[in-house]
């Protein structure tokens, strides 16, 4: 059980995909667990996504169960994803999966199809 993607072979469990996105968000100075949709049990007011201006934002916000990215979003996210993970260790499993995501997003965009999480 976990998360798979329409155009990529990457696979994460739900909890590890969340941790992956927490790492990505941290790369752009965002605490994902403070954002709308991620604050649990109304513990505190959530930060608005309106304050985030980065091409990676749709991937961070996308539902991990049936969410999808448009071809246009995928075109913008893929190069940004590569940039954000560039300094991660080459033997980091998240880095190799992220590269698979970027390739899959580019494929989906080329085929003018949504990139789907399921």
N, C-alpha and C. Protein backbone atom coordinates (compact mmCIF):
# COMPACT_ATOMS: atom_id res chain seq x y z
N UNK A 1 0.84 -1.17 0.00
CA UNK A 1 0.00 0.00 0.00
C UNK A 1 0.88 1.24 0.00
N UNK A 2 0.49 2.22 -0.76
CA UNK A 2 1.26 3.44 -0.83
C UNK A 2 0.85 4.26 -2.03
N UNK A 3 1.77 5.07 -2.49
CA UNK A 3 1.50 6.01 -3.57
C UNK A 3 2.30 5.62 -4.80
N UNK A 4 1.59 5.55 -5.92
CA UNK A 4 2.19 5.31 -7.23
C UNK A 4 1.79 6.47 -8.13
N UNK A 5 2.34 6.49 -9.33
CA UNK A 5 2.14 7.61 -10.23
C UNK A 5 1.90 7.11 -11.65
N UNK A 6 1.12 7.88 -12.39
CA UNK A 6 0.70 7.46 -13.73
C UNK A 6 1.84 7.33 -14.72
N UNK A 7 2.85 8.14 -14.62
CA UNK A 7 3.90 8.17 -15.63
C UNK A 7 5.30 7.95 -15.04
N UNK A 8 5.36 7.43 -13.81
CA UNK A 8 6.66 7.24 -13.16
C UNK A 8 6.64 5.96 -12.34
N UNK A 9 7.79 5.34 -12.22
CA UNK A 9 7.89 4.11 -11.46
C UNK A 9 8.14 4.31 -9.98
N UNK A 10 8.22 5.54 -9.55
CA UNK A 10 8.48 5.82 -8.13
C UNK A 10 7.32 5.33 -7.27
N UNK A 11 7.65 4.90 -6.05
CA UNK A 11 6.64 4.43 -5.11
C UNK A 11 7.09 4.81 -3.70
N UNK A 12 6.17 5.37 -2.94
CA UNK A 12 6.40 5.67 -1.52
C UNK A 12 5.23 5.14 -0.72
N UNK A 13 5.46 4.82 0.54
CA UNK A 13 4.34 4.64 1.46
C UNK A 13 3.79 6.04 1.70
N UNK A 14 2.57 6.14 2.21
CA UNK A 14 1.99 7.46 2.47
C UNK A 14 2.85 8.27 3.43
N UNK A 15 3.31 7.64 4.48
CA UNK A 15 4.09 8.38 5.48
C UNK A 15 5.44 8.84 4.91
N UNK A 16 6.10 8.02 4.11
CA UNK A 16 7.38 8.43 3.55
C UNK A 16 7.21 9.46 2.44
N UNK A 17 6.09 9.44 1.72
CA UNK A 17 5.83 10.48 0.72
C UNK A 17 5.62 11.81 1.44
N UNK A 18 4.93 11.77 2.56
CA UNK A 18 4.75 13.00 3.33
C UNK A 18 6.12 13.54 3.76
N UNK A 19 6.98 12.68 4.27
CA UNK A 19 8.31 13.12 4.70
C UNK A 19 9.12 13.66 3.52
N UNK A 20 8.97 13.05 2.36
CA UNK A 20 9.63 13.55 1.14
C UNK A 20 9.16 14.97 0.84
N UNK A 21 7.86 15.19 0.91
CA UNK A 21 7.34 16.53 0.61
C UNK A 21 7.72 17.52 1.71
N UNK A 22 7.85 17.06 2.94
CA UNK A 22 8.34 17.95 4.01
C UNK A 22 9.75 18.42 3.66
N UNK A 23 10.59 17.52 3.18
CA UNK A 23 11.96 17.87 2.78
C UNK A 23 11.95 18.86 1.63
N UNK A 24 11.11 18.62 0.62
CA UNK A 24 11.03 19.54 -0.52
C UNK A 24 10.59 20.92 -0.06
N UNK A 25 9.56 20.96 0.78
CA UNK A 25 9.06 22.24 1.28
C UNK A 25 10.15 22.98 2.04
N UNK A 26 10.91 22.26 2.84
CA UNK A 26 12.00 22.88 3.61
C UNK A 26 13.03 23.51 2.68
N UNK A 27 13.22 22.93 1.51
CA UNK A 27 14.18 23.47 0.54
C UNK A 27 13.78 24.87 0.08
N UNK A 28 12.48 25.18 0.14
CA UNK A 28 12.03 26.52 -0.26
C UNK A 28 11.62 27.36 0.95
N UNK A 29 11.99 26.89 2.15
CA UNK A 29 11.73 27.65 3.36
C UNK A 29 10.32 27.54 3.90
N UNK A 30 9.62 26.46 3.56
CA UNK A 30 8.24 26.26 4.01
C UNK A 30 8.19 25.06 4.96
N UNK A 31 7.49 25.25 6.09
CA UNK A 31 7.22 24.14 7.00
C UNK A 31 5.89 23.53 6.57
N UNK A 32 5.93 22.44 5.85
CA UNK A 32 4.73 21.84 5.28
C UNK A 32 3.69 21.53 6.35
N UNK A 33 4.12 21.14 7.52
CA UNK A 33 3.19 20.78 8.59
C UNK A 33 2.46 21.98 9.19
N UNK A 34 2.83 23.18 8.76
CA UNK A 34 2.16 24.40 9.20
C UNK A 34 1.17 24.92 8.14
N UNK A 35 1.12 24.25 6.98
CA UNK A 35 0.34 24.75 5.85
C UNK A 35 -1.09 24.25 5.85
N UNK A 36 -1.97 25.02 5.18
CA UNK A 36 -3.35 24.60 4.99
C UNK A 36 -3.38 23.19 4.43
N UNK A 37 -4.22 22.35 4.99
CA UNK A 37 -4.34 20.97 4.54
C UNK A 37 -3.43 20.01 5.27
N UNK A 38 -2.49 20.55 6.05
CA UNK A 38 -1.55 19.69 6.76
C UNK A 38 -1.60 19.86 8.28
N UNK A 39 -2.15 20.96 8.76
CA UNK A 39 -2.29 21.17 10.20
C UNK A 39 -3.35 20.20 10.69
N UNK A 40 -3.04 19.45 11.73
CA UNK A 40 -3.95 18.41 12.23
C UNK A 40 -4.81 18.93 13.38
N UNK A 41 -6.05 18.50 13.38
CA UNK A 41 -6.97 18.73 14.50
C UNK A 41 -7.11 20.20 14.89
N UNK A 42 -6.98 21.07 13.93
CA UNK A 42 -7.09 22.51 14.21
C UNK A 42 -6.23 22.94 15.39
N UNK A 43 -5.04 22.35 15.50
CA UNK A 43 -4.13 22.66 16.61
C UNK A 43 -3.76 24.14 16.64
N UNK A 44 -3.66 24.73 15.48
CA UNK A 44 -3.26 26.13 15.35
C UNK A 44 -3.71 26.62 13.98
N UNK A 45 -3.73 27.91 13.79
CA UNK A 45 -4.10 28.41 12.46
C UNK A 45 -3.07 27.96 11.42
N UNK A 46 -3.55 27.60 10.27
CA UNK A 46 -2.66 27.15 9.20
C UNK A 46 -2.16 28.34 8.40
N UNK A 47 -0.96 28.18 7.84
CA UNK A 47 -0.41 29.19 6.94
C UNK A 47 -1.05 29.04 5.57
N UNK A 48 -1.25 30.13 4.90
CA UNK A 48 -1.90 30.14 3.61
C UNK A 48 -0.93 29.81 2.47
N UNK A 49 -1.40 28.98 1.54
CA UNK A 49 -0.60 28.68 0.35
C UNK A 49 -0.45 29.90 -0.54
N UNK A 50 -1.31 30.90 -0.36
CA UNK A 50 -1.23 32.12 -1.15
C UNK A 50 0.12 32.83 -0.94
N UNK A 51 0.76 32.56 0.17
CA UNK A 51 2.04 33.20 0.47
C UNK A 51 3.23 32.50 -0.18
N UNK A 52 2.98 31.34 -0.79
CA UNK A 52 4.05 30.55 -1.40
C UNK A 52 4.05 30.79 -2.90
N UNK A 53 5.19 31.24 -3.42
CA UNK A 53 5.32 31.49 -4.85
C UNK A 53 6.53 30.71 -5.36
N UNK A 54 6.30 29.44 -5.66
CA UNK A 54 7.37 28.57 -6.16
C UNK A 54 6.74 27.54 -7.08
N UNK A 55 7.39 27.19 -8.17
CA UNK A 55 6.83 26.21 -9.10
C UNK A 55 6.55 24.85 -8.47
N UNK A 56 7.19 24.53 -7.34
CA UNK A 56 7.00 23.22 -6.70
C UNK A 56 5.69 23.16 -5.91
N UNK A 57 5.06 24.29 -5.68
CA UNK A 57 3.85 24.36 -4.84
C UNK A 57 2.77 23.35 -5.24
N UNK A 58 2.43 23.17 -6.52
CA UNK A 58 1.38 22.19 -6.83
C UNK A 58 1.71 20.76 -6.39
N UNK A 59 2.98 20.38 -6.44
CA UNK A 59 3.36 19.05 -5.98
C UNK A 59 3.22 18.94 -4.46
N UNK A 60 3.53 20.00 -3.75
CA UNK A 60 3.41 19.99 -2.30
C UNK A 60 1.95 19.93 -1.86
N UNK A 61 1.08 20.57 -2.60
CA UNK A 61 -0.34 20.65 -2.25
C UNK A 61 -1.17 19.49 -2.79
N UNK A 62 -0.69 18.83 -3.80
CA UNK A 62 -1.45 17.80 -4.52
C UNK A 62 -1.87 16.67 -3.56
N UNK A 63 -3.10 16.23 -3.71
CA UNK A 63 -3.57 15.11 -2.91
C UNK A 63 -2.73 13.88 -3.24
N UNK A 64 -2.39 13.13 -2.22
CA UNK A 64 -1.61 11.91 -2.46
C UNK A 64 -2.50 10.72 -2.76
N UNK A 65 -3.77 10.96 -2.92
CA UNK A 65 -4.71 9.89 -3.28
C UNK A 65 -5.65 10.41 -4.37
N UNK A 66 -5.27 10.20 -5.60
CA UNK A 66 -6.09 10.64 -6.72
C UNK A 66 -5.82 12.06 -7.17
N UNK A 67 -4.81 12.69 -6.62
CA UNK A 67 -4.47 14.04 -7.06
C UNK A 67 -3.82 14.01 -8.42
N UNK A 68 -3.90 15.13 -9.11
CA UNK A 68 -3.23 15.18 -10.40
C UNK A 68 -2.68 16.57 -10.67
N UNK A 69 -1.66 16.57 -11.50
CA UNK A 69 -1.02 17.80 -11.94
C UNK A 69 -1.28 17.94 -13.43
N UNK A 70 -1.58 19.15 -13.85
CA UNK A 70 -1.83 19.40 -15.27
C UNK A 70 -0.52 19.31 -16.05
N UNK A 71 -0.59 19.16 -17.36
CA UNK A 71 0.65 19.17 -18.16
C UNK A 71 1.46 20.45 -17.94
N UNK A 72 0.78 21.58 -17.80
CA UNK A 72 1.48 22.85 -17.58
C UNK A 72 2.19 22.85 -16.23
N UNK A 73 1.51 22.36 -15.20
CA UNK A 73 2.15 22.28 -13.88
C UNK A 73 3.34 21.34 -13.93
N UNK A 74 3.18 20.20 -14.59
CA UNK A 74 4.28 19.23 -14.69
C UNK A 74 5.49 19.84 -15.39
N UNK A 75 5.25 20.61 -16.45
CA UNK A 75 6.35 21.27 -17.17
C UNK A 75 7.14 22.20 -16.26
N UNK A 76 6.45 22.88 -15.37
CA UNK A 76 7.11 23.83 -14.46
C UNK A 76 7.76 23.11 -13.27
N UNK A 77 7.12 22.06 -12.79
CA UNK A 77 7.61 21.37 -11.59
C UNK A 77 8.86 20.55 -11.86
N UNK A 78 8.91 19.84 -12.97
CA UNK A 78 10.03 18.90 -13.23
C UNK A 78 11.40 19.56 -13.10
N UNK A 79 11.66 20.68 -13.78
CA UNK A 79 13.00 21.27 -13.63
C UNK A 79 13.24 21.82 -12.22
N UNK A 80 12.20 22.33 -11.59
CA UNK A 80 12.35 22.84 -10.23
C UNK A 80 12.65 21.71 -9.26
N UNK A 81 11.99 20.58 -9.44
CA UNK A 81 12.24 19.41 -8.60
C UNK A 81 13.70 18.98 -8.72
N UNK A 82 14.19 18.91 -9.95
CA UNK A 82 15.61 18.55 -10.15
C UNK A 82 16.54 19.53 -9.44
N UNK A 83 16.21 20.80 -9.52
CA UNK A 83 17.03 21.83 -8.88
C UNK A 83 17.04 21.67 -7.36
N UNK A 84 15.88 21.42 -6.78
CA UNK A 84 15.78 21.32 -5.31
C UNK A 84 16.50 20.10 -4.74
N UNK A 85 16.57 19.02 -5.50
CA UNK A 85 17.21 17.81 -4.99
C UNK A 85 18.66 17.65 -5.43
N UNK A 86 19.15 18.60 -6.20
CA UNK A 86 20.50 18.48 -6.79
C UNK A 86 21.58 18.19 -5.75
N UNK A 87 21.47 18.77 -4.58
CA UNK A 87 22.51 18.60 -3.56
C UNK A 87 22.24 17.44 -2.61
N UNK A 88 21.12 16.75 -2.79
CA UNK A 88 20.86 15.58 -1.95
C UNK A 88 21.86 14.49 -2.33
N UNK A 89 22.26 13.65 -1.39
CA UNK A 89 23.22 12.58 -1.70
C UNK A 89 22.71 11.67 -2.83
N UNK A 90 23.62 11.26 -3.69
CA UNK A 90 23.24 10.41 -4.82
C UNK A 90 22.68 9.06 -4.39
N UNK A 91 23.04 8.58 -3.20
CA UNK A 91 22.52 7.30 -2.73
C UNK A 91 21.24 7.45 -1.91
N UNK A 92 20.66 8.65 -1.89
CA UNK A 92 19.41 8.91 -1.18
C UNK A 92 18.24 8.35 -2.00
N UNK A 93 17.48 7.41 -1.44
CA UNK A 93 16.35 6.84 -2.19
C UNK A 93 15.33 7.89 -2.62
N UNK A 94 15.13 8.92 -1.81
CA UNK A 94 14.20 9.99 -2.20
C UNK A 94 14.68 10.72 -3.45
N UNK A 95 15.99 10.87 -3.58
CA UNK A 95 16.53 11.56 -4.75
C UNK A 95 16.25 10.75 -6.02
N UNK A 96 16.49 9.46 -5.98
CA UNK A 96 16.25 8.65 -7.18
C UNK A 96 14.76 8.61 -7.53
N UNK A 97 13.91 8.56 -6.52
CA UNK A 97 12.47 8.57 -6.77
C UNK A 97 12.03 9.93 -7.30
N UNK A 98 12.62 10.99 -6.78
CA UNK A 98 12.29 12.34 -7.25
C UNK A 98 12.70 12.51 -8.72
N UNK A 99 13.84 11.95 -9.09
CA UNK A 99 14.25 12.00 -10.50
C UNK A 99 13.27 11.24 -11.37
N UNK A 100 12.76 10.11 -10.88
CA UNK A 100 11.73 9.36 -11.61
C UNK A 100 10.47 10.21 -11.76
N UNK A 101 10.09 10.92 -10.70
CA UNK A 101 8.93 11.81 -10.78
C UNK A 101 9.14 12.88 -11.85
N UNK A 102 10.30 13.50 -11.85
CA UNK A 102 10.59 14.55 -12.83
C UNK A 102 10.49 14.01 -14.25
N UNK A 103 11.07 12.83 -14.48
CA UNK A 103 10.98 12.21 -15.81
C UNK A 103 9.54 11.90 -16.17
N UNK A 104 8.78 11.38 -15.20
CA UNK A 104 7.38 11.07 -15.45
C UNK A 104 6.55 12.30 -15.74
N UNK A 105 6.83 13.39 -15.03
CA UNK A 105 6.12 14.64 -15.28
C UNK A 105 6.41 15.15 -16.69
N UNK A 106 7.67 15.05 -17.09
CA UNK A 106 8.03 15.48 -18.45
C UNK A 106 7.34 14.62 -19.50
N UNK A 107 7.26 13.31 -19.25
CA UNK A 107 6.56 12.42 -20.17
C UNK A 107 5.08 12.78 -20.25
N UNK A 108 4.46 12.96 -19.11
CA UNK A 108 3.04 13.32 -19.08
C UNK A 108 2.81 14.63 -19.82
N UNK A 109 3.67 15.61 -19.59
CA UNK A 109 3.52 16.91 -20.25
C UNK A 109 3.69 16.77 -21.76
N UNK A 110 4.66 15.98 -22.19
CA UNK A 110 4.89 15.75 -23.62
C UNK A 110 3.68 15.11 -24.26
N UNK A 111 3.02 14.21 -23.53
CA UNK A 111 1.84 13.52 -24.04
C UNK A 111 0.56 14.32 -23.79
N UNK A 112 0.71 15.52 -23.21
CA UNK A 112 -0.41 16.40 -22.86
C UNK A 112 -1.44 15.68 -21.99
N UNK A 113 -0.94 14.94 -21.02
CA UNK A 113 -1.78 14.17 -20.09
C UNK A 113 -1.50 14.63 -18.67
N UNK A 114 -2.48 14.49 -17.77
CA UNK A 114 -2.21 14.82 -16.37
C UNK A 114 -1.27 13.79 -15.76
N UNK A 115 -0.52 14.23 -14.80
CA UNK A 115 0.35 13.36 -14.01
C UNK A 115 -0.43 13.05 -12.74
N UNK A 116 -0.77 11.79 -12.54
CA UNK A 116 -1.71 11.40 -11.49
C UNK A 116 -1.01 10.64 -10.37
N UNK A 117 -1.38 10.97 -9.13
CA UNK A 117 -0.96 10.23 -7.94
C UNK A 117 -2.10 9.28 -7.59
N UNK A 118 -1.77 8.03 -7.36
CA UNK A 118 -2.82 7.08 -6.93
C UNK A 118 -2.26 6.03 -6.02
